[in-house]
Amino acid sequence: MEQYTFPFSTCERPSENGIAQPFSSVVNLIIVLFLMYCFIQAKSLQLKYVFFSFILFELWHTMSHMIFIAGNIQQSVVHFLAYNIAFGTLFALLYLSKSSLNIHQIALLASVVLFDIIIYMNYGGIYMILSGTLIFIAILLCVYSKYSTFISYYIIGLIGLALLFVNEAVNCKWMLQYWPNFPFHIIIEFYGLLLFYILSNKLLTLEKTI
C-alpha cells in the first residue's frame, strides 16, 4: 500500500483544468450549507461552537478538493481541525448531559491523543486517519452511560467510515483501472454527510430538552 496523503490520494481523478476534484467539492459544499443551517438553529454557545468547528473543517476540506497544495499542509490542517471537531463535540455532549469527566476518562483521552501524536509524527497517512477516528470514539465513550444506544450505533458508523478510507487507500488504483472516470471518493463524502446529519440532529434534539 502506497503512502496515503490527503487530498492527493483520494479516489477521484483530478481535473487538469479548474477545480481539482469537482464531485467531492460539490458534496462538501452541500455539507457546509447543511452545517450552516444547524449553526443558525443552535441556541447555546456550546452548540454554536461545535457547529462552527464542523463548518471550519468542511470549508478547509472543500478547499482542499478544489485546489491542491504541494506537501502535507492540507493533510496536517485537516487533522488539526478534526481535533477541534472531536473536542468541540465532547464539550457539547458534556454540556447537554450536565456531566463532567472523571480521572479515568481524562487518562483515556490523554492516552489516545498521545498515540495519535506518535502516529502523526512517525507514520501519517491512512494510519493518522485511523488514530483520529480512535480519538472520536474515545470521546463518545466518555458519555456512553448517558446516550448508550445512540453512541453504540454511531461508533459502528465511525468504524464503517474508517473501513471506507482503508479500502480507498488499498484499492483505489485497482478501482480506477476498471472505472477511471468514476469519483469513488464521493462514497466517503456522502457517508460523511450522513454521519454529520445524524450527529447534528442528535445535538439539536438534545438541546431542546434542556
C-alpha atoms as a PDB file:
ATOM      1  CA  MET A   1       0.000   0.000   0.000  1.00  0.00           C
ATOM      2  CA  GLU A   2       1.402   3.382  -1.025  1.00  0.00           C
ATOM      3  CA  GLN A   3       1.542   6.334   1.340  1.00  0.00           C
ATOM      4  CA  TYR A   4      -1.930   7.895   1.661  1.00  0.00           C
ATOM      5  CA  THR A   5      -1.771  11.690   1.555  1.00  0.00           C
ATOM      6  CA  PHE A   6      -4.880  13.878   1.629  1.00  0.00           C
ATOM      7  CA  PRO A   7      -6.114  15.128  -0.796  1.00  0.00           C
ATOM      8  CA  PHE A   8      -3.782  13.660  -3.428  1.00  0.00           C
ATOM      9  CA  SER A   9      -4.608  10.030  -2.650  1.00  0.00           C
ATOM     10  CA  THR A  10      -8.379  10.448  -2.560  1.00  0.00           C
ATOM     11  CA  CYS A  11     -10.020   8.305  -5.209  1.00  0.00           C
ATOM     12  CA  GLU A  12     -11.253  10.862  -7.729  1.00  0.00           C
ATOM     13  CA  ARG A  13      -9.049  11.582 -10.708  1.00  0.00           C
ATOM     14  CA  PRO A  14      -8.084  15.265 -10.509  1.00  0.00           C
ATOM     15  CA  SER A  15      -9.115  17.536 -13.349  1.00  0.00           C
ATOM     16  CA  GLU A  16      -6.316  19.166 -15.293  1.00  0.00           C
ATOM     17  CA  ASN A  17      -8.271  22.406 -15.547  1.00  0.00           C
ATOM     18  CA  GLY A  18     -10.345  24.289 -12.985  1.00  0.00           C
ATOM     19  CA  ILE A  19     -11.465  22.572  -9.782  1.00  0.00           C
ATOM     20  CA  ALA A  20      -9.197  19.642  -8.970  1.00  0.00           C
ATOM     21  CA  GLN A  21     -11.910  17.249  -7.742  1.00  0.00           C
ATOM     22  CA  PRO A  22     -15.296  18.762  -8.629  1.00  0.00           C
ATOM     23  CA  PHE A  23     -17.531  15.898  -7.482  1.00  0.00           C
ATOM     24  CA  SER A  24     -16.052  15.727  -3.986  1.00  0.00           C
ATOM     25  CA  SER A  25     -16.085  19.526  -3.813  1.00  0.00           C
ATOM     26  CA  VAL A  26     -19.817  19.703  -4.575  1.00  0.00           C
ATOM     27  CA  VAL A  27     -20.723  17.131  -1.920  1.00  0.00           C
ATOM     28  CA  ASN A  28     -18.673  19.018   0.646  1.00  0.00           C
ATOM     29  CA  LEU A  29     -20.343  22.300  -0.270  1.00  0.00           C
ATOM     30  CA  ILE A  30     -23.682  20.614   0.420  1.00  0.00           C
ATOM     31  CA  ILE A  31     -22.344  19.570   3.831  1.00  0.00           C
ATOM     32  CA  VAL A  32     -21.204  23.144   4.534  1.00  0.00           C
ATOM     33  CA  LEU A  33     -24.662  24.518   3.734  1.00  0.00           C
ATOM     34  CA  PHE A  34     -26.315  21.924   5.968  1.00  0.00           C
ATOM     35  CA  LEU A  35     -23.965  22.750   8.852  1.00  0.00           C
ATOM     36  CA  MET A  36     -24.608  26.470   8.431  1.00  0.00           C
ATOM     37  CA  TYR A  37     -28.313  25.741   8.811  1.00  0.00           C
ATOM     38  CA  CYS A  38     -27.567  23.782  12.004  1.00  0.00           C
ATOM     39  CA  PHE A  39     -25.429  26.650  13.310  1.00  0.00           C
ATOM     40  CA  ILE A  40     -28.389  29.002  12.870  1.00  0.00           C
ATOM     41  CA  GLN A  41     -30.715  26.545  14.622  1.00  0.00           C
ATOM     42  CA  ALA A  42     -28.430  26.080  17.642  1.00  0.00           C
ATOM     43  CA  LYS A  43     -29.246  28.225  20.668  1.00  0.00           C
ATOM     44  CA  SER A  44     -26.430  27.651  23.156  1.00  0.00           C
ATOM     45  CA  LEU A  45     -22.871  28.887  22.838  1.00  0.00           C
ATOM     46  CA  GLN A  46     -21.623  25.300  23.204  1.00  0.00           C
ATOM     47  CA  LEU A  47     -23.596  24.085  20.199  1.00  0.00           C
ATOM     48  CA  LYS A  48     -22.801  27.212  18.206  1.00  0.00           C
ATOM     49  CA  TYR A  49     -19.128  26.432  18.786  1.00  0.00           C
ATOM     50  CA  VAL A  50     -19.333  22.780  17.767  1.00  0.00           C
ATOM     51  CA  PHE A  51     -21.187  23.621  14.554  1.00  0.00           C
ATOM     52  CA  PHE A  52     -18.678  26.386  13.857  1.00  0.00           C
ATOM     53  CA  SER A  53     -15.887  23.812  14.242  1.00  0.00           C
ATOM     54  CA  PHE A  54     -17.724  21.482  11.842  1.00  0.00           C
ATOM     55  CA  ILE A  55     -18.026  24.312   9.314  1.00  0.00           C
ATOM     56  CA  LEU A  56     -14.329  25.248   9.564  1.00  0.00           C
ATOM     57  CA  PHE A  57     -13.367  21.630   8.991  1.00  0.00           C
ATOM     58  CA  GLU A  58     -15.632  21.302   5.978  1.00  0.00           C
ATOM     59  CA  LEU A  59     -14.567  24.620   4.440  1.00  0.00           C
ATOM     60  CA  TRP A  60     -10.917  23.554   4.538  1.00  0.00           C
ATOM     61  CA  HIS A  61     -11.921  20.074   3.372  1.00  0.00           C
ATOM     62  CA  THR A  62     -13.818  21.569   0.427  1.00  0.00           C
ATOM     63  CA  MET A  63     -10.987  23.921  -0.495  1.00  0.00           C
ATOM     64  CA  SER A  64      -8.540  21.019  -0.415  1.00  0.00           C
ATOM     65  CA  HIS A  65     -10.575  19.164  -3.026  1.00  0.00           C
ATOM     66  CA  MET A  66     -10.719  22.304  -5.164  1.00  0.00           C
ATOM     67  CA  ILE A  67      -7.065  23.316  -5.037  1.00  0.00           C
ATOM     68  CA  PHE A  68      -4.097  21.011  -4.437  1.00  0.00           C
ATOM     69  CA  ILE A  69      -1.196  22.492  -2.472  1.00  0.00           C
ATOM     70  CA  ALA A  70       2.107  20.628  -2.676  1.00  0.00           C
ATOM     71  CA  GLY A  71       3.311  18.930   0.505  1.00  0.00           C
ATOM     72  CA  ASN A  72       1.443  17.800   3.613  1.00  0.00           C
ATOM     73  CA  ILE A  73      -0.052  21.131   4.721  1.00  0.00           C
ATOM     74  CA  GLN A  74      -3.611  20.246   3.699  1.00  0.00           C
ATOM     75  CA  GLN A  75      -3.485  16.887   5.475  1.00  0.00           C
ATOM     76  CA  SER A  76      -1.963  18.419   8.601  1.00  0.00           C
ATOM     77  CA  VAL A  77      -4.525  21.237   8.820  1.00  0.00           C
ATOM     78  CA  VAL A  78      -7.480  18.902   8.286  1.00  0.00           C
ATOM     79  CA  HIS A  79      -6.138  16.686  11.079  1.00  0.00           C
ATOM     80  CA  PHE A  80      -5.816  19.670  13.433  1.00  0.00           C
ATOM     81  CA  LEU A  81      -9.352  20.773  12.563  1.00  0.00           C
ATOM     82  CA  ALA A  82     -10.561  17.236  13.269  1.00  0.00           C
ATOM     83  CA  TYR A  83      -9.227  17.694  16.832  1.00  0.00           C
ATOM     84  CA  ASN A  84     -11.350  20.819  17.074  1.00  0.00           C
ATOM     85  CA  ILE A  85     -14.394  18.848  15.933  1.00  0.00           C
ATOM     86  CA  ALA A  86     -13.744  15.992  18.353  1.00  0.00           C
ATOM     87  CA  PHE A  87     -13.256  18.072  21.474  1.00  0.00           C
ATOM     88  CA  GLY A  88     -15.951  20.543  20.490  1.00  0.00           C
ATOM     89  CA  THR A  89     -18.317  17.581  20.317  1.00  0.00           C
ATOM     90  CA  LEU A  90     -17.096  16.398  23.716  1.00  0.00           C
ATOM     91  CA  PHE A  91     -17.746  19.767  25.361  1.00  0.00           C
ATOM     92  CA  ALA A  92     -21.181  19.974  23.731  1.00  0.00           C
ATOM     93  CA  LEU A  93     -22.144  16.492  24.942  1.00  0.00           C
ATOM     94  CA  LEU A  94     -20.890  17.220  28.455  1.00  0.00           C
ATOM     95  CA  TYR A  95     -22.958  20.405  28.469  1.00  0.00           C
ATOM     96  CA  LEU A  96     -26.079  18.661  27.177  1.00  0.00           C
ATOM     97  CA  SER A  97     -25.743  15.744  29.602  1.00  0.00           C
ATOM     98  CA  LYS A  98     -24.806  18.024  32.536  1.00  0.00           C
ATOM     99  CA  SER A  99     -21.841  15.793  33.299  1.00  0.00           C
ATOM    100  CA  SER A 100     -18.075  16.090  33.609  1.00  0.00           C
ATOM    101  CA  LEU A 101     -15.052  13.899  33.003  1.00  0.00           C
ATOM    102  CA  ASN A 102     -13.579  11.690  35.709  1.00  0.00           C
ATOM    103  CA  ILE A 103      -9.890  10.922  36.097  1.00  0.00           C
ATOM    104  CA  HIS A 104     -10.159   7.639  34.165  1.00  0.00           C
ATOM    105  CA  GLN A 105     -11.801   9.341  31.199  1.00  0.00           C
ATOM    106  CA  ILE A 106      -9.173  12.087  31.200  1.00  0.00           C
ATOM    107  CA  ALA A 107      -6.460   9.409  31.235  1.00  0.00           C
ATOM    108  CA  LEU A 108      -8.152   7.618  28.329  1.00  0.00           C
ATOM    109  CA  LEU A 109      -8.302  10.794  26.256  1.00  0.00           C
ATOM    110  CA  ALA A 110      -4.706  11.714  27.079  1.00  0.00           C
ATOM    111  CA  SER A 111      -3.594   8.233  26.005  1.00  0.00           C
ATOM    112  CA  VAL A 112      -5.353   8.277  22.641  1.00  0.00           C
ATOM    113  CA  VAL A 113      -4.133  11.821  21.920  1.00  0.00           C
ATOM    114  CA  LEU A 114      -0.553  10.776  22.711  1.00  0.00           C
ATOM    115  CA  PHE A 115      -0.997   7.719  20.483  1.00  0.00           C
ATOM    116  CA  ASP A 116      -2.287   9.950  17.678  1.00  0.00           C
ATOM    117  CA  ILE A 117       0.670  12.313  18.017  1.00  0.00           C
ATOM    118  CA  ILE A 118       3.064   9.361  17.747  1.00  0.00           C
ATOM    119  CA  ILE A 119       1.247   8.151  14.621  1.00  0.00           C
ATOM    120  CA  TYR A 120       1.280  11.665  13.137  1.00  0.00           C
ATOM    121  CA  MET A 121       4.990  12.142  13.767  1.00  0.00           C
ATOM    122  CA  ASN A 122       6.126   8.700  12.591  1.00  0.00           C
ATOM    123  CA  TYR A 123       3.615   7.280  10.109  1.00  0.00           C
ATOM    124  CA  GLY A 124       0.931   9.731   8.951  1.00  0.00           C
ATOM    125  CA  GLY A 125      -1.266   8.808   6.021  1.00  0.00           C
ATOM    126  CA  ILE A 126      -4.072   6.328   6.491  1.00  0.00           C
ATOM    127  CA  TYR A 127      -2.765   5.475   9.972  1.00  0.00           C
ATOM    128  CA  MET A 128      -3.351   9.084  11.015  1.00  0.00           C
ATOM    129  CA  ILE A 129      -6.964   8.871   9.831  1.00  0.00           C
ATOM    130  CA  LEU A 130      -7.454   5.697  11.882  1.00  0.00           C
ATOM    131  CA  SER A 131      -5.872   7.184  15.017  1.00  0.00           C
ATOM    132  CA  GLY A 132      -8.009  10.312  14.584  1.00  0.00           C
ATOM    133  CA  THR A 133     -11.105   8.119  14.404  1.00  0.00           C
ATOM    134  CA  LEU A 134      -9.968   6.426  17.605  1.00  0.00           C
ATOM    135  CA  ILE A 135      -9.917   9.813  19.367  1.00  0.00           C
ATOM    136  CA  PHE A 136     -13.518  10.477  18.376  1.00  0.00           C
ATOM    137  CA  ILE A 137     -14.570   7.018  19.547  1.00  0.00           C
ATOM    138  CA  ALA A 138     -12.827   7.571  22.901  1.00  0.00           C
ATOM    139  CA  ILE A 139     -14.650  10.899  23.285  1.00  0.00           C
ATOM    140  CA  LEU A 140     -18.013   9.255  22.650  1.00  0.00           C
ATOM    141  CA  LEU A 141     -17.196   6.548  25.186  1.00  0.00           C
ATOM    142  CA  CYS A 142     -16.787   9.271  27.807  1.00  0.00           C
ATOM    143  CA  VAL A 143     -20.531   9.970  27.651  1.00  0.00           C
ATOM    144  CA  TYR A 144     -21.587   6.406  26.838  1.00  0.00           C
ATOM    145  CA  SER A 145     -23.622   5.991  30.017  1.00  0.00           C
ATOM    146  CA  LYS A 146     -25.792   8.992  29.057  1.00  0.00           C
ATOM    147  CA  TYR A 147     -26.550   8.037  25.452  1.00  0.00           C
ATOM    148  CA  SER A 148     -25.576   4.380  25.195  1.00  0.00           C
ATOM    149  CA  THR A 149     -27.834   3.339  22.311  1.00  0.00           C
ATOM    150  CA  PHE A 150     -27.007   6.332  20.120  1.00  0.00           C
ATOM    151  CA  ILE A 151     -23.289   6.106  20.820  1.00  0.00           C
ATOM    152  CA  SER A 152     -23.160   2.360  20.163  1.00  0.00           C
ATOM    153  CA  TYR A 153     -24.627   2.830  16.698  1.00  0.00           C
ATOM    154  CA  TYR A 154     -22.566   5.940  15.995  1.00  0.00           C
ATOM    155  CA  ILE A 155     -19.320   4.167  16.861  1.00  0.00           C
ATOM    156  CA  ILE A 156     -20.270   1.436  14.387  1.00  0.00           C
ATOM    157  CA  GLY A 157     -20.791   4.232  11.853  1.00  0.00           C
ATOM    158  CA  LEU A 158     -17.333   5.661  12.563  1.00  0.00           C
ATOM    159  CA  ILE A 159     -15.742   2.234  12.147  1.00  0.00           C
ATOM    160  CA  GLY A 160     -17.540   1.980   8.808  1.00  0.00           C
ATOM    161  CA  LEU A 161     -16.026   5.326   7.790  1.00  0.00           C
ATOM    162  CA  ALA A 162     -12.544   4.136   8.774  1.00  0.00           C
ATOM    163  CA  LEU A 163     -13.009   0.977   6.695  1.00  0.00           C
ATOM    164  CA  LEU A 164     -14.026   3.056   3.676  1.00  0.00           C
ATOM    165  CA  PHE A 165     -10.772   5.009   3.996  1.00  0.00           C
ATOM    166  CA  VAL A 166      -8.778   1.785   4.277  1.00  0.00           C
ATOM    167  CA  ASN A 167     -10.492   0.467   1.157  1.00  0.00           C
ATOM    168  CA  GLU A 168      -9.660   3.702  -0.676  1.00  0.00           C
ATOM    169  CA  ALA A 169      -6.025   3.531   0.377  1.00  0.00           C
ATOM    170  CA  VAL A 170      -5.669  -0.130  -0.622  1.00  0.00           C
ATOM    171  CA  ASN A 171      -7.899  -0.461  -3.690  1.00  0.00           C
ATOM    172  CA  CYS A 172      -8.082   2.965  -5.351  1.00  0.00           C
ATOM    173  CA  LYS A 173      -5.654   2.160  -8.177  1.00  0.00           C
ATOM    174  CA  TRP A 174      -7.480  -1.080  -8.910  1.00  0.00           C
ATOM    175  CA  MET A 175     -10.887   0.619  -8.896  1.00  0.00           C
ATOM    176  CA  LEU A 176      -9.732   3.420 -11.190  1.00  0.00           C
ATOM    177  CA  GLN A 177      -8.170   0.893 -13.529  1.00  0.00           C
ATOM    178  CA  TYR A 178     -11.630  -0.516 -14.278  1.00  0.00           C
ATOM    179  CA  TRP A 179     -13.734   2.640 -13.790  1.00  0.00           C
ATOM    180  CA  PRO A 180     -11.295   5.506 -14.438  1.00  0.00           C
ATOM    181  CA  ASN A 181     -13.879   8.282 -14.557  1.00  0.00           C
ATOM    182  CA  PHE A 182     -15.959   7.362 -11.541  1.00  0.00           C
ATOM    183  CA  PRO A 183     -15.300   9.618  -8.495  1.00  0.00           C
ATOM    184  CA  PHE A 184     -15.139   6.880  -5.870  1.00  0.00           C
ATOM    185  CA  HIS A 185     -14.246   9.322  -3.095  1.00  0.00           C
ATOM    186  CA  ILE A 186     -17.778  10.738  -3.149  1.00  0.00           C
ATOM    187  CA  ILE A 187     -18.900   7.495  -1.473  1.00  0.00           C
ATOM    188  CA  ILE A 188     -16.882   8.577   1.564  1.00  0.00           C
ATOM    189  CA  GLU A 189     -18.183  12.135   1.248  1.00  0.00           C
ATOM    190  CA  PHE A 190     -21.840  11.059   1.177  1.00  0.00           C
ATOM    191  CA  TYR A 191     -21.180   8.733   4.113  1.00  0.00           C
ATOM    192  CA  GLY A 192     -19.640  11.699   5.941  1.00  0.00           C
ATOM    193  CA  LEU A 193     -22.739  13.757   5.140  1.00  0.00           C
ATOM    194  CA  LEU A 194     -24.862  11.034   6.722  1.00  0.00           C
ATOM    195  CA  LEU A 195     -22.698  10.986   9.870  1.00  0.00           C
ATOM    196  CA  PHE A 196     -22.819  14.787  10.139  1.00  0.00           C
ATOM    197  CA  TYR A 197     -26.601  14.704   9.728  1.00  0.00           C
ATOM    198  CA  ILE A 198     -27.083  12.055  12.429  1.00  0.00           C
ATOM    199  CA  LEU A 199     -24.791  13.767  14.940  1.00  0.00           C
ATOM    200  CA  SER A 200     -26.109  17.271  14.239  1.00  0.00           C
ATOM    201  CA  ASN A 201     -29.718  16.150  14.515  1.00  0.00           C
ATOM    202  CA  LYS A 202     -28.958  14.424  17.821  1.00  0.00           C
ATOM    203  CA  LEU A 203     -27.242  17.510  19.256  1.00  0.00           C
ATOM    204  CA  LEU A 204     -30.061  19.829  18.241  1.00  0.00           C
ATOM    205  CA  THR A 205     -32.689  17.429  19.587  1.00  0.00           C
ATOM    206  CA  LEU A 206     -30.889  17.135  22.936  1.00  0.00           C
ATOM    207  CA  GLU A 207     -30.577  20.910  23.183  1.00  0.00           C
ATOM    208  CA  LYS A 208     -34.377  21.233  23.028  1.00  0.00           C
ATOM    209  CA  THR A 209     -34.704  19.045  26.137  1.00  0.00           C
ATOM    210  CA  ILE A 210     -32.587  21.171  28.478  1.00  0.00           C
END
